[in-house]
Amino acid sequence: MQTKIRVRLICLALLGVGVWESLHSPDALAESTQIERLDAAKVGSLAKQDGVFIFFDPTCPICAEYFPTIERLIARFGQVKFSLVFCAVDSDRIAEFVRDYKPRCRILSDVDGSLRAALDAHVTPEAVVKSAGKNVYSGRIDDRYASIGHRRSVVGVHDLENILATISNGQTVLPSKTAAVGCFIEPANSKSLAHSKKEN
């Protein structure tokens, strides 16, 4: 009798492991977190939507450093729709990032770079803010980096936060642009080519 119970418990444990692995596979994770895979057909309407689009690459060390700041802004400005836009990043890498960091915002996979081109983003991280159907800000999150490799010890200007505070207070926002510092966004095909060359 005890042997039968032990066998049943082992089977249930193995079943549980199988369910856990299936739920945490990249495809299942992408579906559960609603990772939106974009194409040129979807970008037209999406680029007109109000909100904050932050172009992001988990392999970029500057992006990794900014993620806590992004999370803080999402928490403060909960009424604003935030989107992390992954450019030229493969689906497994996006799923891994989502699993590890559990971002509390919309996740967009800009497969062919159509949204990047539509919003004129060039580096990661780079923020684009749209309000009342207009592009009111694009550029850096703050002035933490003067340039690549030159990090300020104290952040002096919180560009993105200031813009969002102005919008939230119902004040008029004059369109502005700053130079974002980070990793240059490569076309998806060039990353694939570089990866294939590395393997060969």
Protein backbone atom coordinates (compact mmCIF):
# COMPACT_ATOMS: atom_id res chain seq x y z
CA MET A 1 0.00 0.00 0.00
CA GLN A 2 2.78 2.39 0.97
CA THR A 3 4.62 1.50 -2.24
CA LYS A 4 1.57 2.46 -4.35
CA ILE A 5 1.22 5.77 -2.52
CA ARG A 6 4.92 6.48 -3.03
CA VAL A 7 4.64 5.75 -6.77
CA ARG A 8 1.62 8.06 -7.08
CA LEU A 9 3.46 10.86 -5.31
CA ILE A 10 6.44 10.46 -7.64
CA CYS A 11 4.15 10.58 -10.69
CA LEU A 12 2.43 13.71 -9.40
CA ALA A 13 5.82 15.33 -8.78
CA LEU A 14 7.00 14.51 -12.30
CA LEU A 15 3.72 15.83 -13.72
CA GLY A 16 4.20 19.03 -11.75
CA VAL A 17 7.70 19.47 -13.16
CA GLY A 18 6.36 18.98 -16.69
CA VAL A 19 3.64 21.58 -16.17
CA TRP A 20 6.15 24.03 -14.65
CA GLU A 21 8.53 23.65 -17.59
CA SER A 22 5.74 24.09 -20.14
CA LEU A 23 4.46 27.21 -18.39
CA HIS A 24 7.95 28.72 -18.27
CA SER A 25 9.06 27.91 -21.79
CA PRO A 26 9.87 31.01 -23.93
CA ASP A 27 6.73 30.57 -26.04
CA ALA A 28 4.41 30.11 -23.04
CA LEU A 29 6.01 33.01 -21.25
CA ALA A 30 5.68 35.27 -24.29
CA GLU A 31 2.00 34.39 -24.53
CA SER A 32 1.31 34.89 -20.80
CA THR A 33 3.02 38.30 -20.75
CA GLN A 34 1.41 39.32 -24.04
CA ILE A 35 4.57 40.16 -25.92
CA GLU A 36 3.29 41.91 -29.03
CA ARG A 37 5.19 41.07 -32.18
CA LEU A 38 4.99 44.07 -34.50
CA ASP A 39 5.10 44.33 -38.24
CA ALA A 40 4.72 47.19 -40.69
CA ALA A 41 0.94 46.71 -40.85
CA LYS A 42 0.49 47.30 -37.09
CA VAL A 43 2.93 50.15 -36.72
CA GLY A 44 0.89 52.86 -38.48
CA SER A 45 -1.82 53.01 -35.83
CA LEU A 46 0.50 52.17 -32.94
CA ALA A 47 2.83 55.09 -33.71
CA LYS A 48 -0.13 57.47 -33.28
CA GLN A 49 -1.07 56.21 -29.81
CA ASP A 50 -0.36 58.35 -26.74
CA GLY A 51 2.10 57.03 -24.21
CA VAL A 52 5.78 56.46 -23.56
CA PHE A 53 7.79 54.26 -25.88
CA ILE A 54 11.19 53.27 -24.48
CA PHE A 55 13.46 51.57 -26.98
CA PHE A 56 15.27 48.88 -25.07
CA ASP A 57 17.83 46.10 -25.47
CA PRO A 58 18.59 43.82 -22.48
CA THR A 59 22.12 43.23 -23.82
CA CYS A 60 22.91 46.95 -23.55
CA PRO A 61 24.54 47.66 -20.15
CA ILE A 62 23.14 51.20 -20.06
CA CYS A 63 19.62 49.82 -20.52
CA ALA A 64 20.18 47.40 -17.65
CA GLU A 65 21.25 50.28 -15.42
CA TYR A 66 18.18 52.33 -16.33
CA PHE A 67 15.59 49.61 -15.75
CA PRO A 68 14.99 50.50 -12.04
CA THR A 69 14.43 54.12 -13.10
CA ILE A 70 11.94 53.00 -15.75
CA GLU A 71 10.09 50.89 -13.16
CA ARG A 72 9.95 53.87 -10.79
CA LEU A 73 8.45 56.07 -13.51
CA ILE A 74 5.88 53.41 -14.37
CA ALA A 75 4.86 53.26 -10.71
CA ARG A 76 4.65 57.05 -10.38
CA PHE A 77 2.78 57.72 -13.62
CA GLY A 78 0.40 54.78 -13.54
CA GLN A 79 -2.12 56.53 -15.78
CA VAL A 80 0.39 56.68 -18.65
CA LYS A 81 0.79 53.72 -21.00
CA PHE A 82 4.44 52.65 -21.00
CA SER A 83 5.85 50.35 -23.67
CA LEU A 84 9.27 48.73 -23.79
CA VAL A 85 10.16 48.36 -27.45
CA PHE A 86 12.70 45.64 -28.17
CA CYS A 87 14.54 46.27 -31.44
CA ALA A 88 16.48 43.54 -33.23
CA VAL A 89 16.24 41.34 -30.12
CA ASP A 90 15.35 37.65 -30.56
CA SER A 91 12.23 36.28 -28.85
CA ASP A 92 14.14 34.00 -26.47
CA ARG A 93 16.13 36.96 -25.15
CA ILE A 94 12.93 38.99 -24.64
CA ALA A 95 11.25 36.08 -22.85
CA GLU A 96 14.30 35.66 -20.63
CA PHE A 97 14.25 39.35 -19.71
CA VAL A 98 10.52 39.25 -18.94
CA ARG A 99 10.99 36.17 -16.76
CA ASP A 100 13.90 37.68 -14.81
CA TYR A 101 12.66 41.26 -14.39
CA LYS A 102 8.86 41.02 -14.73
CA PRO A 103 8.34 44.48 -16.27
CA ARG A 104 5.00 46.08 -15.43
CA CYS A 105 4.30 47.54 -18.85
CA ARG A 106 3.50 46.70 -22.45
CA ILE A 107 6.17 44.69 -24.27
CA LEU A 108 6.61 45.27 -28.00
CA SER A 109 8.89 43.24 -30.23
CA ASP A 110 9.79 45.51 -33.14
CA VAL A 111 10.92 42.68 -35.37
CA ASP A 112 11.75 44.60 -38.54
CA GLY A 113 12.42 48.01 -36.99
CA SER A 114 9.26 49.61 -38.39
CA LEU A 115 8.29 51.32 -35.14
CA ARG A 116 11.86 52.46 -34.57
CA ALA A 117 11.84 54.07 -37.99
CA ALA A 118 8.36 55.59 -37.50
CA LEU A 119 9.37 57.20 -34.19
CA ASP A 120 12.92 58.02 -35.34
CA ALA A 121 14.74 56.21 -32.51
CA HIS A 122 18.42 55.38 -32.92
CA VAL A 123 19.82 54.12 -29.62
CA THR A 124 18.80 52.15 -26.52
CA PRO A 125 17.60 53.36 -24.13
CA GLU A 126 15.73 56.13 -25.89
CA ALA A 127 12.31 57.48 -24.89
CA VAL A 128 9.59 58.84 -27.16
CA VAL A 129 6.57 60.50 -25.56
CA LYS A 130 3.34 61.06 -27.46
CA SER A 131 0.53 63.20 -26.07
CA ALA A 132 -2.68 64.32 -27.78
CA GLY A 133 -1.51 62.48 -30.89
CA LYS A 134 1.73 64.44 -31.12
CA ASN A 135 5.35 63.61 -30.47
CA VAL A 136 6.20 65.91 -27.53
CA TYR A 137 9.53 64.46 -26.48
CA SER A 138 12.25 62.15 -27.71
CA GLY A 139 15.68 61.42 -26.32
CA ARG A 140 17.39 60.47 -23.07
CA ILE A 141 15.68 59.41 -19.84
CA ASP A 142 17.94 61.74 -17.86
CA ASP A 143 21.43 63.24 -18.06
CA ARG A 144 23.16 60.41 -16.20
CA TYR A 145 25.53 59.87 -19.13
CA ALA A 146 27.34 62.75 -20.81
CA SER A 147 28.59 60.26 -23.40
CA ILE A 148 29.46 56.57 -23.64
CA GLY A 149 31.78 55.76 -20.75
CA HIS A 150 31.28 59.15 -19.08
CA ARG A 151 28.78 58.70 -16.25
CA ARG A 152 27.89 61.61 -13.98
CA SER A 153 27.98 60.92 -10.24
CA VAL A 154 24.76 62.92 -9.78
CA VAL A 155 21.78 63.12 -12.14
CA GLY A 156 21.06 66.79 -12.75
CA VAL A 157 18.18 66.74 -15.23
CA HIS A 158 15.34 64.18 -15.15
CA ASP A 159 14.10 64.85 -18.68
CA LEU A 160 11.50 62.10 -19.05
CA GLU A 161 10.16 62.48 -15.52
CA ASN A 162 9.78 66.24 -15.95
CA ILE A 163 7.88 65.83 -19.22
CA LEU A 164 5.51 63.28 -17.68
CA ALA A 165 4.94 65.46 -14.60
CA THR A 166 4.04 68.39 -16.85
CA ILE A 167 1.56 66.28 -18.82
CA SER A 168 0.06 64.82 -15.64
CA ASN A 169 -0.49 68.33 -14.25
CA GLY A 170 -2.43 69.29 -17.37
CA GLN A 171 0.12 71.86 -18.43
CA THR A 172 1.13 72.64 -22.00
CA VAL A 173 4.15 70.70 -23.21
CA LEU A 174 6.40 72.23 -25.81
CA PRO A 175 7.93 69.62 -28.10
CA SER A 176 11.56 68.96 -27.20
CA LYS A 177 14.37 66.62 -28.11
CA THR A 178 17.61 65.57 -26.42
CA ALA A 179 20.46 63.33 -27.49
CA ALA A 180 20.10 59.85 -26.01
CA VAL A 181 23.27 58.04 -24.97
CA GLY A 182 23.40 54.28 -25.25
CA CYS A 183 23.80 51.37 -27.64
CA PHE A 184 23.22 52.01 -31.33
CA ILE A 185 20.21 50.12 -32.68
CA GLU A 186 21.42 47.73 -35.34
CA PRO A 187 19.12 46.41 -38.07
CA ALA A 188 17.81 42.95 -37.21
CA ASN A 189 19.46 41.38 -40.24
CA SER A 190 22.89 42.75 -39.33
CA LYS A 191 22.71 41.15 -35.88
CA SER A 192 21.72 37.85 -37.43
CA LEU A 193 24.58 38.13 -39.90
CA ALA A 194 27.06 38.93 -37.14
CA HIS A 195 25.79 35.98 -35.10
CA SER A 196 26.10 33.58 -38.05
CA LYS A 197 29.63 34.78 -38.76
CA LYS A 198 30.58 34.25 -35.13
CA GLU A 199 29.29 30.67 -35.25
CA ASN A 200 31.24 29.99 -38.43
